[in-house]
Amino acid sequence: MNPKRSGFVYLIRAGRGNLYKIGVAIDPTRRLAQLQTGSPHRLSLVAAKRYRDPYQRESTLHRQYRAYRVRDDGEWFRLPFWVAWEVKREIAGTIGVWTWLGLIALCLLFYLLWLLR
């Protein structure tokens, strides 16, 4: 894929476990089919979103979740379900669960402080 072209950042899940791939493709459905050919697991496309610079976004996600990498140089990650949910949200560009929980906790704190004044 040409680094100057827009493309999709995708999240693919292997089987029903916690193994996920974060990658870039022009056509995520086609990429899924390519990966499926060589995989013993049934793969599913969890999330995909088009970006102007998909490699930048992919690189950011790889750095952000490096602690979960299967191999140091790979694109496969062992993600607990709550982390997989967060990655899915990050790829889709929406606010994540932990961010929402943090905002709710902050609102509750302000409310309690208001009650105690």
Protein backbone atom coordinates (compact mmCIF):
# COMPACT_ATOMS: atom_id res chain seq x y z
CA MET A 1 0.00 0.00 0.00
CA ASN A 2 1.29 3.46 -0.91
CA PRO A 3 2.07 5.41 2.32
CA LYS A 4 0.70 8.61 0.74
CA ARG A 5 -2.75 7.12 0.09
CA SER A 6 -5.57 7.07 2.51
CA GLY A 7 -6.63 3.69 3.79
CA PHE A 8 -8.30 1.87 6.62
CA VAL A 9 -6.97 1.01 10.04
CA TYR A 10 -8.64 -2.21 11.12
CA LEU A 11 -8.99 -4.49 14.12
CA ILE A 12 -9.37 -8.20 13.36
CA ARG A 13 -10.12 -10.84 15.99
CA ALA A 14 -8.91 -14.44 15.78
CA GLY A 15 -11.50 -16.92 17.00
CA ARG A 16 -13.29 -16.26 20.26
CA GLY A 17 -10.16 -15.58 22.26
CA ASN A 18 -8.15 -12.46 22.99
CA LEU A 19 -5.90 -12.45 19.91
CA TYR A 20 -6.30 -9.34 17.71
CA LYS A 21 -4.52 -7.76 14.76
CA ILE A 22 -4.22 -4.01 14.31
CA GLY A 23 -3.30 -3.24 10.72
CA VAL A 24 -3.75 -1.10 7.60
CA ALA A 25 -5.46 -1.99 4.32
CA ILE A 26 -7.13 -0.32 1.36
CA ASP A 27 -9.91 -2.91 1.59
CA PRO A 28 -10.29 -4.43 5.10
CA THR A 29 -12.73 -7.11 3.91
CA ARG A 30 -10.29 -8.30 1.29
CA ARG A 31 -7.46 -8.22 3.84
CA LEU A 32 -9.60 -10.32 6.17
CA ALA A 33 -10.05 -12.91 3.41
CA GLN A 34 -6.28 -12.95 2.76
CA LEU A 35 -5.49 -13.49 6.43
CA GLN A 36 -8.21 -16.11 6.78
CA THR A 37 -6.53 -18.31 4.18
CA GLY A 38 -3.48 -18.84 6.39
CA SER A 39 -5.20 -18.83 9.77
CA PRO A 40 -6.38 -21.86 11.74
CA HIS A 41 -8.81 -19.56 13.58
CA ARG A 42 -12.00 -18.03 12.24
CA LEU A 43 -11.22 -14.34 11.82
CA SER A 44 -13.70 -11.50 12.16
CA LEU A 45 -13.46 -7.81 11.34
CA VAL A 46 -14.21 -5.95 14.58
CA ALA A 47 -13.63 -2.36 13.45
CA ALA A 48 -12.32 -0.40 10.48
CA LYS A 49 -12.14 3.29 9.70
CA ARG A 50 -10.66 5.27 6.83
CA TYR A 51 -7.84 7.68 7.67
CA ARG A 52 -5.86 10.11 5.53
CA ASP A 53 -2.68 8.77 7.09
CA PRO A 54 -3.51 5.24 8.24
CA TYR A 55 0.12 4.35 8.94
CA GLN A 56 0.42 7.17 11.46
CA ARG A 57 -2.75 5.98 13.25
CA GLU A 58 -1.63 2.35 13.16
CA SER A 59 1.79 3.29 14.54
CA THR A 60 0.19 5.26 17.37
CA LEU A 61 -2.05 2.31 18.29
CA HIS A 62 0.88 -0.13 18.14
CA ARG A 63 2.88 2.08 20.52
CA GLN A 64 -0.08 2.67 22.81
CA TYR A 65 -0.80 -1.05 23.22
CA ARG A 66 2.76 -2.41 22.92
CA ALA A 67 2.53 -4.10 26.33
CA TYR A 68 -0.02 -6.50 24.80
CA ARG A 69 2.00 -7.45 21.70
CA VAL A 70 2.44 -11.15 20.98
CA ARG A 71 5.86 -10.42 19.42
CA ASP A 72 7.94 -7.25 19.72
CA ASP A 73 7.82 -6.58 15.98
CA GLY A 74 4.36 -7.90 15.15
CA GLU A 75 0.84 -6.59 14.60
CA TRP A 76 -0.89 -9.23 16.74
CA PHE A 77 -1.91 -8.42 20.29
CA ARG A 78 -3.35 -10.39 23.22
CA LEU A 79 -5.96 -7.96 24.47
CA PRO A 80 -8.20 -8.38 27.51
CA PHE A 81 -11.80 -7.68 26.51
CA TRP A 82 -11.84 -4.20 28.07
CA VAL A 83 -8.66 -3.23 26.19
CA ALA A 84 -10.04 -4.67 22.93
CA TRP A 85 -13.15 -2.54 23.47
CA GLU A 86 -10.94 0.52 23.96
CA VAL A 87 -8.94 -0.23 20.77
CA LYS A 88 -12.19 -0.65 18.85
CA ARG A 89 -13.34 2.75 20.10
CA GLU A 90 -9.97 4.33 19.29
CA ILE A 91 -10.08 3.04 15.71
CA ALA A 92 -13.66 4.21 15.27
CA GLY A 93 -12.67 7.63 16.62
CA THR A 94 -15.26 7.72 19.39
CA ILE A 95 -14.77 8.34 23.07
CA GLY A 96 -13.78 5.20 24.98
CA VAL A 97 -15.27 3.43 27.95
CA TRP A 98 -12.49 4.42 30.35
CA THR A 99 -12.81 8.04 29.29
CA TRP A 100 -16.56 7.92 29.96
CA LEU A 101 -15.99 6.31 33.35
CA GLY A 102 -13.44 8.99 34.20
CA LEU A 103 -15.86 11.74 33.21
CA ILE A 104 -18.65 10.17 35.26
CA ALA A 105 -16.35 9.87 38.29
CA LEU A 106 -15.31 13.50 37.91
CA CYS A 107 -18.95 14.62 37.73
CA LEU A 108 -19.76 12.61 40.85
CA LEU A 109 -16.83 14.17 42.66
CA PHE A 110 -17.97 17.70 41.77
CA TYR A 111 -21.51 16.81 42.82
CA LEU A 112 -20.31 15.50 46.19
CA LEU A 113 -18.16 18.59 46.71
CA TRP A 114 -21.18 20.75 45.89
CA LEU A 115 -23.31 18.83 48.41
CA LEU A 116 -20.67 19.22 51.12
CA ARG A 117 -20.19 22.97 50.71
